Amino acid sequence: MIICSCNVISDTAIRDVVTTADTIFGSPAQVYDCLGCSVQCGLCSRSVKRILDERQGETATATVWPVHAEPAPCELMSVA
């Protein structure tokens, strides 16, 4: 199911990123950074946050996503 219409991102893509990364994302914006885009209208933020909250309950050993002035590309993104 499409969660973000602006960036055409599915719930599967979001779940894949948050479950395969050894990082606990602190906000939906950090997930979007990892996916190579940014939040546009914000209507999807609640759905992304819900997925993050589900994952955070499952992960106790992950590290916290670092805060940078400029968003760092996610290690899961392929560089072309």
C-alpha atoms as a PDB file:
ATOM      1  CA  MET A   1       0.000   0.000   0.000  1.00  0.00           C
ATOM      2  CA  ILE A   2       1.260   3.484  -0.826  1.00  0.00           C
ATOM      3  CA  ILE A   3       1.937   5.421   2.388  1.00  0.00           C
ATOM      4  CA  CYS A   4       3.395   8.557   0.802  1.00  0.00           C
ATOM      5  CA  SER A   5       1.665   9.746  -2.360  1.00  0.00           C
ATOM      6  CA  CYS A   6       4.058  12.666  -2.844  1.00  0.00           C
ATOM      7  CA  ASN A   7       7.142  10.434  -3.044  1.00  0.00           C
ATOM      8  CA  VAL A   8       5.283   7.241  -4.043  1.00  0.00           C
ATOM      9  CA  ILE A   9       6.640   5.179  -1.141  1.00  0.00           C
ATOM     10  CA  SER A  10       4.952   1.988  -0.010  1.00  0.00           C
ATOM     11  CA  ASP A  11       4.635   0.619   3.487  1.00  0.00           C
ATOM     12  CA  THR A  12       6.796  -2.299   2.343  1.00  0.00           C
ATOM     13  CA  ALA A  13       9.662   0.035   1.389  1.00  0.00           C
ATOM     14  CA  ILE A  14       9.439   1.813   4.739  1.00  0.00           C
ATOM     15  CA  ARG A  15       9.298  -1.460   6.680  1.00  0.00           C
ATOM     16  CA  ASP A  16      12.267  -2.808   4.708  1.00  0.00           C
ATOM     17  CA  VAL A  17      14.387   0.216   5.603  1.00  0.00           C
ATOM     18  CA  VAL A  18      13.483   0.283   9.287  1.00  0.00           C
ATOM     19  CA  THR A  19      13.867  -3.471   9.743  1.00  0.00           C
ATOM     20  CA  THR A  20      17.150  -3.955   7.863  1.00  0.00           C
ATOM     21  CA  ALA A  21      19.014  -0.952   9.272  1.00  0.00           C
ATOM     22  CA  ASP A  22      20.929  -1.317  12.543  1.00  0.00           C
ATOM     23  CA  THR A  23      19.584   2.075  13.505  1.00  0.00           C
ATOM     24  CA  ILE A  24      16.619   3.351  15.447  1.00  0.00           C
ATOM     25  CA  PHE A  25      15.156   6.218  13.474  1.00  0.00           C
ATOM     26  CA  GLY A  26      13.942   9.087  15.647  1.00  0.00           C
ATOM     27  CA  SER A  27      11.535  10.629  13.151  1.00  0.00           C
ATOM     28  CA  PRO A  28       9.795  10.021   9.846  1.00  0.00           C
ATOM     29  CA  ALA A  29      12.089  12.621   8.244  1.00  0.00           C
ATOM     30  CA  GLN A  30      15.103  10.397   8.969  1.00  0.00           C
ATOM     31  CA  VAL A  31      13.405   7.481   7.203  1.00  0.00           C
ATOM     32  CA  TYR A  32      12.788   9.713   4.190  1.00  0.00           C
ATOM     33  CA  ASP A  33      16.442  10.810   4.230  1.00  0.00           C
ATOM     34  CA  CYS A  34      17.426   7.159   4.142  1.00  0.00           C
ATOM     35  CA  LEU A  35      15.110   6.590   1.181  1.00  0.00           C
ATOM     36  CA  GLY A  36      16.662   9.527  -0.664  1.00  0.00           C
ATOM     37  CA  CYS A  37      13.728  11.922  -0.447  1.00  0.00           C
ATOM     38  CA  SER A  38      12.065  14.263   2.019  1.00  0.00           C
ATOM     39  CA  VAL A  39       8.661  14.777   3.592  1.00  0.00           C
ATOM     40  CA  GLN A  40       6.524  16.916   1.302  1.00  0.00           C
ATOM     41  CA  CYS A  41       2.965  17.519   2.555  1.00  0.00           C
ATOM     42  CA  GLY A  42       3.321  15.584   5.825  1.00  0.00           C
ATOM     43  CA  LEU A  43       0.074  13.627   5.639  1.00  0.00           C
ATOM     44  CA  CYS A  44       2.017  10.355   5.733  1.00  0.00           C
ATOM     45  CA  SER A  45       4.044  11.212   8.847  1.00  0.00           C
ATOM     46  CA  ARG A  46       1.617   9.507  11.231  1.00  0.00           C
ATOM     47  CA  SER A  47       1.725   6.269   9.260  1.00  0.00           C
ATOM     48  CA  VAL A  48       5.525   6.323   9.082  1.00  0.00           C
ATOM     49  CA  LYS A  49       5.710   7.110  12.812  1.00  0.00           C
ATOM     50  CA  ARG A  50       3.434   4.149  13.550  1.00  0.00           C
ATOM     51  CA  ILE A  51       5.783   1.840  11.618  1.00  0.00           C
ATOM     52  CA  LEU A  52       8.743   3.311  13.518  1.00  0.00           C
ATOM     53  CA  ASP A  53       7.017   2.762  16.860  1.00  0.00           C
ATOM     54  CA  GLU A  54       6.275  -0.868  15.950  1.00  0.00           C
ATOM     55  CA  ARG A  55       9.929  -1.415  15.057  1.00  0.00           C
ATOM     56  CA  GLN A  56      11.256   0.395  18.119  1.00  0.00           C
ATOM     57  CA  GLY A  57       9.404  -2.075  20.309  1.00  0.00           C
ATOM     58  CA  GLU A  58      11.238  -4.937  18.566  1.00  0.00           C
ATOM     59  CA  THR A  59      14.766  -3.456  18.654  1.00  0.00           C
ATOM     60  CA  ALA A  60      16.671  -2.880  21.871  1.00  0.00           C
ATOM     61  CA  THR A  61      20.289  -3.183  20.664  1.00  0.00           C
ATOM     62  CA  ALA A  62      20.291  -0.742  17.754  1.00  0.00           C
ATOM     63  CA  THR A  63      22.111   2.568  17.804  1.00  0.00           C
ATOM     64  CA  VAL A  64      20.339   5.908  17.606  1.00  0.00           C
ATOM     65  CA  TRP A  65      20.346   7.679  14.223  1.00  0.00           C
ATOM     66  CA  PRO A  66      22.984  10.427  14.354  1.00  0.00           C
ATOM     67  CA  VAL A  67      21.877  14.029  13.904  1.00  0.00           C
ATOM     68  CA  HIS A  68      23.743  15.891  11.137  1.00  0.00           C
ATOM     69  CA  ALA A  69      23.373  19.413   9.802  1.00  0.00           C
ATOM     70  CA  GLU A  70      23.143  17.889   6.321  1.00  0.00           C
ATOM     71  CA  PRO A  71      21.290  14.570   5.947  1.00  0.00           C
ATOM     72  CA  ALA A  72      23.759  11.738   5.459  1.00  0.00           C
ATOM     73  CA  PRO A  73      22.811   9.154   2.827  1.00  0.00           C
ATOM     74  CA  CYS A  74      21.602   5.920   4.290  1.00  0.00           C
ATOM     75  CA  GLU A  75      24.019   3.013   4.127  1.00  0.00           C
ATOM     76  CA  LEU A  76      21.248   0.996   2.458  1.00  0.00           C
ATOM     77  CA  MET A  77      21.015   3.346  -0.532  1.00  0.00           C
ATOM     78  CA  SER A  78      22.996   2.358  -3.573  1.00  0.00           C
ATOM     79  CA  VAL A  79      25.198   5.071  -4.969  1.00  0.00           C
ATOM     80  CA  ALA A  80      24.960   5.314  -8.734  1.00  0.00           C
END
